[in-house]
Protein backbone atom coordinates (compact mmCIF):
# COMPACT_ATOMS: atom_id res chain seq x y z
CA UNK A 1 -26.76 13.00 7.98
CA UNK A 2 -28.40 12.83 11.41
CA UNK A 3 -27.49 15.59 13.89
CA UNK A 4 -25.98 13.58 16.75
CA UNK A 5 -26.02 16.51 19.13
CA UNK A 6 -24.94 15.38 22.59
CA UNK A 7 -27.73 15.22 25.21
CA UNK A 8 -27.44 17.95 27.85
CA UNK A 9 -28.52 17.30 31.44
CA UNK A 10 -31.97 18.73 32.11
CA UNK A 11 -32.16 21.91 34.25
CA UNK A 12 -34.96 21.69 36.87
CA UNK A 13 -37.99 23.85 35.89
CA UNK A 14 -37.03 24.14 32.19
CA UNK A 15 -38.90 21.20 30.70
CA UNK A 16 -41.17 23.40 28.55
CA UNK A 17 -38.25 25.31 27.16
CA UNK A 18 -36.42 22.05 26.34
CA UNK A 19 -39.54 20.84 24.45
CA UNK A 20 -39.62 24.04 22.42
CA UNK A 21 -36.00 23.51 21.39
CA UNK A 22 -36.68 19.88 20.65
CA UNK A 23 -39.55 20.89 18.40
CA UNK A 24 -37.43 23.40 16.51
CA UNK A 25 -34.75 20.66 16.00
CA UNK A 26 -37.31 18.27 14.56
CA UNK A 27 -38.64 20.93 12.17
CA UNK A 28 -35.08 21.79 11.10
CA UNK A 29 -34.25 18.13 10.44
CA UNK A 30 -37.26 17.61 8.21
CA UNK A 31 -36.47 17.61 4.44
CA UNK A 32 -39.43 19.86 3.74
CA UNK A 33 -42.61 20.91 5.48
CA UNK A 34 -43.61 18.78 8.42
CA UNK A 35 -47.20 18.40 9.69
CA UNK A 36 -48.52 18.62 13.25
CA UNK A 37 -49.49 15.00 13.06
CA UNK A 38 -45.94 14.04 12.19
CA UNK A 39 -44.58 16.12 14.95
CA UNK A 40 -46.99 14.48 17.42
CA UNK A 41 -45.90 11.02 16.31
CA UNK A 42 -42.22 12.02 16.62
CA UNK A 43 -42.53 13.48 20.10
CA UNK A 44 -45.26 11.47 21.64
CA UNK A 45 -46.56 14.63 23.37
CA UNK A 46 -50.29 15.32 23.98
CA UNK A 47 -51.79 17.37 21.23
CA UNK A 48 -52.60 20.21 23.68
CA UNK A 49 -48.96 20.49 24.67
CA UNK A 50 -47.76 20.33 21.09
CA UNK A 51 -50.16 23.02 19.78
CA UNK A 52 -49.37 25.35 22.72
CA UNK A 53 -45.63 25.11 21.98
CA UNK A 54 -46.15 25.45 18.23
CA UNK A 55 -48.26 28.56 18.75
CA UNK A 56 -45.56 30.13 20.92
CA UNK A 57 -42.57 29.48 18.64
CA UNK A 58 -44.55 30.55 15.61
CA UNK A 59 -45.60 33.80 17.29
CA UNK A 60 -41.91 34.58 17.97
CA UNK A 61 -40.92 33.90 14.34
CA UNK A 62 -38.81 30.78 14.99
CA UNK A 63 -41.27 28.64 13.01
CA UNK A 64 -43.57 29.35 10.08
CA UNK A 65 -46.88 27.69 9.14
CA UNK A 66 -47.57 27.24 5.48
CA UNK A 67 -51.31 28.20 5.11
CA UNK A 68 -51.97 26.00 2.11
CA UNK A 69 -50.33 22.68 3.21
CA UNK A 70 -50.63 23.36 6.97
CA UNK A 71 -47.01 22.21 7.29
CA UNK A 72 -44.34 23.77 9.46
CA UNK A 73 -40.84 25.00 8.57
CA UNK A 74 -38.20 27.19 10.16
CA UNK A 75 -38.95 30.92 10.55
CA UNK A 76 -36.99 33.96 9.39
CA UNK A 77 -36.21 35.01 12.97
CA UNK A 78 -33.55 32.29 12.97
CA UNK A 79 -31.85 33.95 9.97
CA UNK A 80 -31.68 37.19 11.84
CA UNK A 81 -30.09 35.52 14.89
CA UNK A 82 -27.66 33.54 12.75
CA UNK A 83 -26.02 36.76 11.53
CA UNK A 84 -24.76 37.25 15.08
CA UNK A 85 -23.50 33.74 15.67
CA UNK A 86 -19.78 34.17 15.01
CA UNK A 87 -16.80 33.21 17.03
CA UNK A 88 -15.06 36.47 16.25
CA UNK A 89 -16.61 39.88 15.51
CA UNK A 90 -15.43 40.21 11.89
CA UNK A 91 -15.20 36.54 10.89
CA UNK A 92 -18.36 36.76 8.65
CA UNK A 93 -17.20 39.80 6.74
CA UNK A 94 -13.52 38.82 6.31
CA UNK A 95 -14.25 35.19 5.50
CA UNK A 96 -16.95 36.00 2.92
CA UNK A 97 -14.51 38.11 0.85
CA UNK A 98 -11.85 35.41 1.01
CA UNK A 99 -14.32 32.56 0.33
CA UNK A 100 -15.67 34.28 -2.77
CA UNK A 101 -12.10 34.73 -4.04
CA UNK A 102 -11.35 31.07 -3.28
CA UNK A 103 -14.46 29.94 -5.16
CA UNK A 104 -13.55 32.16 -8.14
CA UNK A 105 -9.92 30.91 -8.12
CA UNK A 106 -10.85 27.18 -8.00
CA UNK A 107 -14.32 27.08 -9.60
CA UNK A 108 -15.41 24.79 -6.67
CA UNK A 109 -17.67 25.36 -3.62
CA UNK A 110 -15.90 27.12 -0.77
CA UNK A 111 -17.02 26.66 2.87
CA UNK A 112 -16.55 28.18 6.34
CA UNK A 113 -17.15 26.09 9.42
CA UNK A 114 -16.56 26.41 13.21
CA UNK A 115 -16.16 23.72 15.97
CA UNK A 116 -19.40 23.04 17.71
CA UNK A 117 -19.84 20.54 20.57
CA UNK A 118 -17.38 17.96 19.16
CA UNK A 119 -18.37 18.46 15.53
CA UNK A 120 -18.00 21.20 12.82
CA UNK A 121 -20.92 23.37 11.89
CA UNK A 122 -21.19 24.91 8.35
CA UNK A 123 -21.65 28.72 8.69
CA UNK A 124 -20.94 30.06 5.20
CA UNK A 125 -20.43 29.00 1.65
CA UNK A 126 -20.03 30.26 -1.90
CA UNK A 127 -21.25 27.68 -4.35
CA UNK A 128 -19.46 26.48 -7.45
CA UNK A 129 -20.99 27.57 -10.74
CA UNK A 130 -20.80 24.03 -12.09
CA UNK A 131 -24.02 22.00 -12.32
CA UNK A 132 -22.43 19.07 -10.57
CA UNK A 133 -20.97 20.50 -7.32
CA UNK A 134 -20.66 20.16 -3.59
CA UNK A 135 -23.71 21.78 -2.05
CA UNK A 136 -23.92 21.01 1.61
CA UNK A 137 -26.53 23.00 3.54
CA UNK A 138 -25.63 25.70 6.02
CA UNK A 139 -26.22 24.75 9.62
CA UNK A 140 -25.35 21.09 8.99
CA UNK A 141 -23.06 19.55 11.62
CA UNK A 142 -20.48 16.93 10.58
CA UNK A 143 -17.98 14.79 12.42
CA UNK A 144 -14.42 16.00 13.00
CA UNK A 145 -12.58 12.86 12.05
CA UNK A 146 -13.76 12.49 8.46
CA UNK A 147 -13.94 16.11 7.15
CA UNK A 148 -11.07 18.32 6.00
CA UNK A 149 -12.37 21.18 8.18
CA UNK A 150 -12.60 18.96 11.26
CA UNK A 151 -9.12 17.47 10.72
CA UNK A 152 -7.63 20.91 10.09
CA UNK A 153 -9.06 22.09 13.42
CA UNK A 154 -7.93 19.03 15.31
CA UNK A 155 -4.41 19.15 13.89
CA UNK A 156 -3.75 22.53 15.40
CA UNK A 157 -4.93 21.70 18.89
CA UNK A 158 -2.70 20.06 21.52
CA UNK A 159 -3.03 16.26 21.08
CA UNK A 160 -4.75 15.81 24.47
CA UNK A 161 -7.33 18.42 23.52
CA UNK A 162 -7.84 16.91 20.09
CA UNK A 163 -8.42 13.45 21.67
CA UNK A 164 -10.87 14.99 24.11
CA UNK A 165 -12.82 16.64 21.29
CA UNK A 166 -13.05 13.25 19.54
CA UNK A 167 -14.66 11.76 22.59
CA UNK A 168 -14.20 8.18 23.91
CA UNK A 169 -16.62 6.32 21.62
CA UNK A 170 -15.75 4.59 18.39
CA UNK A 171 -15.13 6.78 15.25
CA UNK A 172 -18.05 6.24 12.96
CA UNK A 173 -17.45 4.85 9.48
CA UNK A 174 -19.29 6.55 6.60
CA UNK A 175 -17.39 5.09 3.56
CA UNK A 176 -14.66 2.47 3.06
CA UNK A 177 -12.17 5.35 3.19
CA UNK A 178 -13.21 6.71 6.59
CA UNK A 179 -10.36 6.62 9.13
CA UNK A 180 -11.66 4.81 12.25
CA UNK A 181 -8.37 3.90 13.93
CA UNK A 182 -7.37 6.59 16.37
CA UNK A 183 -3.65 5.95 16.01
CA UNK A 184 -3.79 6.35 12.27
CA UNK A 185 -5.88 9.50 12.63
CA UNK A 186 -3.44 11.08 15.16
CA UNK A 187 -0.50 10.30 12.75
CA UNK A 188 -2.39 12.02 9.92
CA UNK A 189 -3.08 15.06 12.15
CA UNK A 190 0.65 15.48 12.73
CA UNK A 191 1.22 15.45 8.92
CA UNK A 192 -1.56 18.04 8.48
CA UNK A 193 -0.05 20.35 11.12
CA UNK A 194 3.33 20.12 9.41
CA UNK A 195 2.05 20.97 5.88
CA UNK A 196 -0.74 23.39 6.90
CA UNK A 197 -3.74 21.81 5.23
CA UNK A 198 -6.01 18.75 5.46
CA UNK A 199 -7.48 16.46 2.72
CA UNK A 200 -10.69 14.50 2.95
CA UNK A 201 -10.72 11.91 0.20
CA UNK A 202 -14.20 10.35 -0.04
CA UNK A 203 -14.18 9.70 3.71
CA UNK A 204 -17.75 11.01 4.35
CA UNK A 205 -19.31 11.00 0.90
CA UNK A 206 -18.23 8.76 -2.02
CA UNK A 207 -17.11 10.65 -5.14
CA UNK A 208 -16.34 13.85 -3.23
CA UNK A 209 -12.98 15.33 -2.27
CA UNK A 210 -12.32 18.22 0.04
CA UNK A 211 -9.23 20.33 1.07
CA UNK A 212 -9.28 22.50 4.19
CA UNK A 213 -7.14 24.69 6.38
CA UNK A 214 -7.60 26.16 9.84
CA UNK A 215 -8.34 29.78 10.67
CA UNK A 216 -6.17 30.59 13.83
CA UNK A 217 -6.60 33.33 16.36
CA UNK A 218 -3.76 35.51 17.65
CA UNK A 219 -2.63 32.75 20.04
CA UNK A 220 -2.50 30.09 17.34
CA UNK A 221 -5.66 28.38 18.42
CA UNK A 222 -8.06 27.16 15.63
CA UNK A 223 -11.33 29.09 15.80
CA UNK A 224 -12.71 28.00 12.35
CA UNK A 225 -11.76 26.28 9.17
CA UNK A 226 -12.24 26.87 5.45
CA UNK A 227 -12.45 24.31 2.68
CA UNK A 228 -13.02 23.71 -0.98
CA UNK A 229 -15.01 20.69 -2.09
CA UNK A 230 -15.95 19.05 -5.38
CA UNK A 231 -16.20 15.82 -7.35
CA UNK A 232 -13.11 13.67 -7.51
CA UNK A 233 -12.91 13.90 -11.32
CA UNK A 234 -12.31 17.66 -11.06
CA UNK A 235 -10.42 17.68 -7.75
CA UNK A 236 -7.83 15.21 -8.88
CA UNK A 237 -4.94 14.19 -6.61
CA UNK A 238 -2.59 16.42 -8.63
CA UNK A 239 -4.94 19.36 -8.25
CA UNK A 240 -5.45 18.77 -4.55
CA UNK A 241 -1.61 18.92 -4.03
CA UNK A 242 -1.58 22.33 -5.72
CA UNK A 243 -4.74 23.52 -3.97
CA UNK A 244 -3.64 22.80 -0.36
CA UNK A 245 -1.02 25.56 -0.07
CA UNK A 246 -3.37 28.03 -1.73
CA UNK A 247 -6.17 27.33 0.74
CA UNK A 248 -3.75 27.59 3.68
CA UNK A 249 -2.72 31.00 2.34
CA UNK A 250 -6.33 32.09 2.10
CA UNK A 251 -6.89 30.97 5.66
CA UNK A 252 -3.88 33.07 6.74
CA UNK A 253 -5.41 36.05 5.01
CA UNK A 254 -8.62 35.58 7.07
CA UNK A 255 -6.44 35.43 10.20
CA UNK A 256 -4.73 38.66 9.30
CA UNK A 257 -8.08 40.25 8.49
CA UNK A 258 -9.40 39.30 11.94
CA UNK A 259 -6.39 41.06 13.49
CA UNK A 260 -7.10 44.26 11.62
CA UNK A 261 -4.72 43.76 8.69
CA UNK A 262 -6.03 44.58 5.17
CA UNK A 263 -7.12 41.69 2.86
CA UNK A 264 -8.94 41.88 -0.74
CA UNK A 265 -22.29 35.37 -7.01
CA UNK A 266 -21.65 32.51 -8.63
CA UNK A 267 -22.28 33.11 -12.28
CA UNK A 268 -25.12 31.06 -13.69
CA UNK A 269 -24.06 28.22 -15.88
CA UNK A 270 -23.86 29.06 -19.59
CA UNK A 271 -26.15 27.10 -21.97
CA UNK A 272 -23.27 25.70 -24.09
CA UNK A 273 -24.18 24.39 -27.44
CA UNK A 274 -21.71 21.56 -28.48
CA UNK A 275 -20.60 21.01 -32.03
CA UNK A 276 -18.56 18.12 -33.35
CA UNK A 277 -17.45 18.15 -37.04
CA UNK A 278 -19.42 15.41 -38.81
CA UNK A 279 -20.48 14.10 -35.45
CA UNK A 280 -17.02 13.20 -34.19
CA UNK A 281 -15.02 15.08 -31.49
CA UNK A 282 -11.55 16.29 -32.37
CA UNK A 283 -8.27 15.35 -30.58
CA UNK A 284 -7.17 18.88 -29.76
CA UNK A 285 -9.30 21.76 -30.94
CA UNK A 286 -7.38 25.01 -31.27
CA UNK A 287 -6.88 28.49 -32.78
CA UNK A 288 -10.52 29.66 -33.17
CA UNK A 289 -10.90 32.88 -35.19
CA UNK A 290 -14.14 34.57 -36.25
CA UNK A 291 -14.08 35.31 -40.02
CA UNK A 292 -16.55 38.02 -40.87
CA UNK A 293 -15.97 37.56 -44.66
CA UNK A 294 -17.12 33.94 -44.54
CA UNK A 295 -19.53 34.43 -41.56
CA UNK A 296 -17.81 31.43 -40.08
CA UNK A 297 -15.69 30.32 -37.19
CA UNK A 298 -12.33 29.17 -38.55
CA UNK A 299 -10.62 26.73 -36.22
CA UNK A 300 -8.47 23.53 -36.27
CA UNK A 301 -7.90 20.16 -34.83
CA UNK A 302 -4.16 20.75 -34.09
CA UNK A 303 -3.34 17.08 -33.98
CA UNK A 304 -5.86 15.86 -36.61
CA UNK A 305 -4.57 17.94 -38.40
CA UNK A 306 -7.66 19.53 -40.06
CA UNK A 307 -8.85 23.08 -40.73
CA UNK A 308 -12.57 23.66 -40.06
CA UNK A 309 -14.91 26.43 -41.11
CA UNK A 310 -18.07 26.26 -39.06
CA UNK A 311 -21.20 28.32 -39.95
CA UNK A 312 -24.18 27.43 -37.74
CA UNK A 313 -24.56 23.65 -37.79
CA UNK A 314 -22.51 23.20 -41.01
CA UNK A 315 -18.78 22.60 -41.09
CA UNK A 316 -16.45 22.44 -44.03
CA UNK A 317 -13.10 20.70 -43.60
CA UNK A 318 -9.69 20.98 -45.28
CA UNK A 319 -6.84 18.59 -44.49
CA UNK A 320 -3.40 20.04 -45.33
CA UNK A 321 -1.02 17.69 -47.05
CA UNK A 322 1.42 16.35 -45.96
CA UNK A 323 -0.07 16.38 -42.47
CA UNK A 324 1.67 17.99 -39.53
CA UNK A 325 0.46 19.60 -36.25
CA UNK A 326 -1.17 22.99 -36.90
CA UNK A 327 0.76 25.38 -34.72
CA UNK A 328 -0.98 28.59 -35.64
CA UNK A 329 -3.95 30.01 -37.52
CA UNK A 330 -4.97 33.54 -38.48
CA UNK A 331 -7.34 35.26 -40.84
CA UNK A 332 -5.85 38.36 -42.54
CA UNK A 333 -7.60 41.60 -43.48
CA UNK A 334 -7.89 40.33 -47.01
CA UNK A 335 -9.75 37.20 -45.79
CA UNK A 336 -6.85 34.86 -46.37
CA UNK A 337 -6.39 32.00 -43.87
CA UNK A 338 -2.80 31.59 -42.72
CA UNK A 339 -1.74 28.18 -41.24
CA UNK A 340 1.58 27.34 -39.67
CA UNK A 341 2.61 23.66 -39.72
CA UNK A 342 6.09 23.10 -38.39
CA UNK A 343 8.34 25.05 -40.74
CA UNK A 344 5.67 25.55 -43.40
CA UNK A 345 3.32 28.45 -43.94
CA UNK A 346 0.11 27.83 -45.91
CA UNK A 347 -1.95 30.78 -47.23
CA UNK A 348 -5.51 29.88 -48.38
CA UNK A 349 -7.51 32.59 -50.13
CA UNK A 350 -11.26 32.83 -50.43
CA UNK A 351 -11.20 30.69 -53.57
CA UNK A 352 -9.28 28.01 -51.50
CA UNK A 353 -6.22 28.42 -53.62
CA UNK A 354 -3.17 27.42 -51.49
CA UNK A 355 0.22 29.01 -51.38
CA UNK A 356 2.68 26.68 -49.56
CA UNK A 357 6.00 28.25 -48.40
CA UNK A 358 8.71 26.62 -46.39
CA UNK A 359 9.89 28.98 -43.62
CA UNK A 360 12.35 27.24 -41.18
CA UNK A 361 12.33 30.34 -38.92
CA UNK A 362 8.64 29.51 -38.04
CA UNK A 363 9.39 26.05 -36.73
CA UNK A 364 8.42 26.09 -33.06
CA UNK A 365 5.48 28.43 -33.50
CA UNK A 366 3.28 28.35 -30.41
CA UNK A 367 0.59 31.04 -30.91
CA UNK A 368 -0.89 33.42 -33.51
CA UNK A 369 -3.21 36.40 -33.51
CA UNK A 370 -4.14 39.33 -35.75
CA UNK A 371 -3.89 43.03 -34.72
CA UNK A 372 -6.52 45.70 -35.40
CA UNK A 373 -5.25 46.04 -38.92
CA UNK A 374 -5.80 42.37 -39.67
CA UNK A 375 -2.03 41.73 -39.65
CA UNK A 376 -0.97 38.28 -38.30
CA UNK A 377 1.52 38.13 -35.38
CA UNK A 378 3.26 34.97 -34.32
CA UNK A 379 4.96 33.65 -31.22
CA UNK A 380 7.90 31.27 -31.96
CA UNK A 381 9.70 29.37 -29.18
CA UNK A 382 13.33 28.55 -29.93
CA UNK A 383 16.00 27.68 -27.39
CA UNK A 384 15.06 29.37 -24.10
CA UNK A 385 13.13 32.27 -25.39
CA UNK A 386 10.00 33.13 -27.40
CA UNK A 387 10.10 35.66 -30.21
CA UNK A 388 6.92 37.53 -30.94
CA UNK A 389 6.44 39.66 -34.02
CA UNK A 390 4.50 40.64 -37.05
CA UNK A 391 4.41 37.99 -39.74
CA UNK A 392 5.62 39.23 -43.15
CA UNK A 393 4.38 37.83 -46.47
CA UNK A 394 7.65 35.96 -46.73
CA UNK A 395 7.47 34.62 -43.17
CA UNK A 396 9.86 37.15 -41.62
CA UNK A 397 9.22 38.40 -38.12
CA UNK A 398 9.69 41.82 -36.49
CA UNK A 399 11.10 40.50 -33.25
CA UNK A 400 9.99 40.98 -29.63
CA UNK A 401 11.75 38.57 -27.23
CA UNK A 402 10.73 37.06 -23.91
CA UNK A 403 12.72 34.44 -22.05
CA UNK A 404 9.52 32.47 -21.46
CA UNK A 405 7.56 29.77 -23.33
CA UNK A 406 4.61 31.77 -24.58
CA UNK A 407 1.57 29.63 -25.40
CA UNK A 408 -1.10 32.20 -26.34
CA UNK A 409 -1.35 35.77 -27.50
CA UNK A 410 -4.28 38.19 -28.07
CA UNK A 411 -4.49 41.79 -29.24
CA UNK A 412 -6.57 44.44 -27.58
CA UNK A 413 -8.21 46.15 -30.54
CA UNK A 414 -9.03 49.31 -28.60
CA UNK A 415 -5.68 49.96 -26.89
CA UNK A 416 -3.38 48.22 -29.38
CA UNK A 417 -1.68 46.28 -26.62
CA UNK A 418 -0.72 42.58 -26.86
CA UNK A 419 -1.38 40.00 -24.11
CA UNK A 420 0.89 36.93 -23.92
CA UNK A 421 0.62 34.01 -21.52
CA UNK A 422 3.16 31.49 -20.24
CA UNK A 423 0.83 28.59 -19.29
CA UNK A 424 3.33 26.67 -17.21
CA UNK A 425 3.94 29.55 -14.80
CA UNK A 426 0.42 30.97 -15.14
CA UNK A 427 1.89 34.42 -15.98
CA UNK A 428 0.20 36.80 -18.39
CA UNK A 429 2.32 39.62 -19.79
CA UNK A 430 1.38 42.94 -21.40
CA UNK A 431 3.41 44.21 -24.36
CA UNK A 432 3.24 47.73 -25.60
CA UNK A 433 4.07 48.85 -29.09
CA UNK A 434 7.23 50.90 -29.59
CA UNK A 435 9.73 48.45 -28.05
CA UNK A 436 8.81 48.89 -24.37
CA UNK A 437 9.84 45.98 -22.18
CA UNK A 438 7.05 43.44 -21.46
CA UNK A 439 5.47 43.94 -18.11
CA UNK A 440 3.64 41.63 -15.77
CA UNK A 441 -0.12 41.84 -16.09
CA UNK A 442 -1.27 39.04 -13.75
CA UNK A 443 -0.57 35.53 -12.48
CA UNK A 444 -3.19 32.86 -12.59
CA UNK A 445 -2.91 30.44 -9.63
CA UNK A 446 -2.04 26.94 -10.80
CA UNK A 447 -5.13 25.51 -9.07
CA UNK A 448 -7.29 27.63 -11.38
CA UNK A 449 -5.82 25.92 -14.41
CA UNK A 450 -3.24 26.86 -17.06
CA UNK A 451 -3.95 29.98 -19.16
CA UNK A 452 -3.54 28.20 -22.54
CA UNK A 453 -5.86 30.52 -24.49
CA UNK A 454 -6.59 34.24 -24.57
CA UNK A 455 -9.20 36.44 -26.21
CA UNK A 456 -10.37 40.07 -25.88
CA UNK A 457 -14.13 40.78 -25.87
CA UNK A 458 -16.09 43.74 -27.29
CA UNK A 459 -15.60 45.60 -23.96
CA UNK A 460 -11.84 45.24 -24.35
CA UNK A 461 -11.67 42.80 -21.40
CA UNK A 462 -9.31 39.92 -21.47
CA UNK A 463 -10.65 36.37 -21.20
CA UNK A 464 -8.62 33.30 -20.27
CA UNK A 465 -9.24 29.67 -21.06
CA UNK A 466 -8.21 27.68 -17.94
CA UNK A 467 -6.85 24.35 -19.13
CA UNK A 468 -7.56 21.56 -16.55
CA UNK A 469 -9.65 24.21 -14.70
CA UNK A 470 -13.06 23.35 -16.22
CA UNK A 471 -13.75 27.03 -16.90
CA UNK A 472 -13.04 30.31 -18.76
CA UNK A 473 -12.61 33.59 -16.88
CA UNK A 474 -12.96 37.22 -17.65
CA UNK A 475 -10.35 39.49 -15.94
CA UNK A 476 -10.59 43.03 -14.65
CA UNK A 477 -8.23 45.74 -15.90
CA UNK A 478 -6.14 44.96 -12.84
CA UNK A 479 -5.88 41.31 -13.76
CA UNK A 480 -8.27 39.87 -11.13
CA UNK A 481 -10.87 37.24 -12.05
CA UNK A 482 -14.21 39.07 -12.12
CA UNK A 483 -16.36 36.45 -13.86
CA UNK A 484 -15.91 32.68 -14.02
CA UNK A 485 -17.91 30.60 -16.46
CA UNK A 486 -17.99 26.82 -15.86
CA UNK A 487 -17.48 24.45 -18.71
CA UNK A 488 -18.74 20.88 -19.07
CA UNK A 489 -15.13 19.87 -20.02
CA UNK A 490 -11.79 20.27 -18.19
CA UNK A 491 -9.55 21.47 -21.08
CA UNK A 492 -10.44 24.64 -22.99
CA UNK A 493 -7.76 25.19 -25.61
CA UNK A 494 -8.89 28.26 -27.60
CA UNK A 495 -11.26 31.26 -27.24
CA UNK A 496 -12.93 33.55 -29.79
CA UNK A 497 -15.74 36.08 -29.82
CA UNK A 498 -17.85 36.49 -32.95
CA UNK A 499 -21.14 35.79 -34.62
CA UNK A 500 -23.16 38.12 -36.77
CA UNK A 501 -23.68 40.47 -33.87
CA UNK A 502 -20.41 39.55 -32.12
CA UNK A 503 -22.59 38.18 -29.34
CA UNK A 504 -21.21 34.69 -29.16
CA UNK A 505 -18.20 33.06 -27.43
CA UNK A 506 -16.54 30.08 -29.04
CA UNK A 507 -14.44 27.62 -27.04
CA UNK A 508 -12.36 24.84 -28.57
CA UNK A 509 -11.53 21.88 -26.33
CA UNK A 510 -9.27 18.78 -26.15
CA UNK A 511 -9.93 15.17 -25.29
CA UNK A 512 -6.43 13.76 -25.75
CA UNK A 513 -4.73 12.20 -22.66
CA UNK A 514 -7.85 12.46 -20.52
CA UNK A 515 -8.40 9.57 -18.11
CA UNK A 516 -11.38 7.31 -18.90
CA UNK A 517 -13.23 8.36 -15.70
CA UNK A 518 -12.81 11.99 -16.66
CA UNK A 519 -14.10 11.43 -20.18
CA UNK A 520 -17.14 9.64 -18.73
CA UNK A 521 -17.94 12.80 -16.76
CA UNK A 522 -17.00 15.13 -19.58
CA UNK A 523 -18.21 13.50 -22.86
CA UNK A 524 -18.18 16.87 -24.71
CA UNK A 525 -14.36 16.97 -24.55
CA UNK A 526 -13.11 17.58 -28.08
CA UNK A 527 -16.31 19.42 -29.08
CA UNK A 528 -16.54 23.11 -30.12
CA UNK A 529 -18.67 24.86 -27.50
CA UNK A 530 -20.76 27.96 -28.41
CA UNK A 531 -22.80 30.23 -26.14
CA UNK A 532 -24.43 33.66 -26.27
CA UNK A 533 -22.28 36.16 -24.26
CA UNK A 534 -25.54 37.65 -22.83
CA UNK A 535 -26.59 34.30 -21.37
CA UNK A 536 -25.98 33.53 -17.75
């Protein structure tokens, strides 16, 4: 986008200084290196004048000359100076902490911008770990009327001041969605001020959506704005509605940090290897468990319903009859596979002999996991509570009760503690043996996705599959997200660690109920994804 910086009136006796700045602007606007001949053509200056100015700005470090191509680019001195260009003394430090947290929470690129001569100037960003992401360059200036950051700043100014910042000329149209009518824009600004955040819906770049909120000083004046941006198929309208209040809250944290109140790198993309049984994706992959006896990953298509045993590129399949959704799966210490289907419990031994038992008490099973002794535990939702307990050979449970709908459980093999998640509220609980009351471990913000799957790695750290969040995350012992791994699909449904050296992570995924445009962007939905834990 061209930098439509307003022309400033010339100051007598400063023509040479103005030419030096003009030269730096031209070099900055070039997509790569720019030659002296190109600069001469762009400026129309005599070569002697051009080379004299180039020599001066190069000597002071504002411009660099590439010795091989003889092309010019910006110098490192500008980076040094940029560190001091802030509208408040601590904005850089406070905002960087919160922007990184915002990026980790959403999995999308987070930005910081400030108003600059009737536009917004990008000063900081933390990039999304996804391959397809928003990646605007720092130092780029954009219009106020068609960016979430600009609209957030305008909305918190007095209307007369906002109109003055917009200038008197026509509002430029960049896409069919750009608002160019001033009356419509002013009405939208009043809505933004009332709810606390702004949305830019493909108004400056097709296929991109952005949500922003203002950073206010102690008098309530906007001094900056933060935003999160990404492709429309990940930042859906529903997710934007959830994301707005979260971004407004992060902006408030920055405000508090600037006033002295306490507050709190993207991971490389994983080389995921997709696997589809017999070349076809499943409806709803689920319940992955590494089986060391079979050297296989045992998992299921919950809605197929089919049991799979995957070893390398080979997959064996078993379809239970009569068919019913597979609500739980575990592998016992003896190597038996236990399946829960409605009110039935199937036990499949290593010879594939099947014991089929009807257990009405297990109707409503929502999750299953084995403890460090290889004993299966089950979560069963009935009425308004979930019972969690050890599964006996006859299907009986030793009961632990929570008045929540638990959707996933995972055992810590080192500490003997059980993690349990309520996907709808985003809450993860920690249960101790010995009958102690469950306690809150952490809450996952809704904008990050639903915690529908849990697994504990070899370092005894909890991992969470973020359904509709396009990622999986590793948590600290305090429950904070410390590592976010992007996925090429929106809906992870199950997590497991295994492989011969326990150096692989397995992720089951779903494709059911995904919109066509999402499936076009995420064709691996319904595949089993595998990656080395040491990668990335």
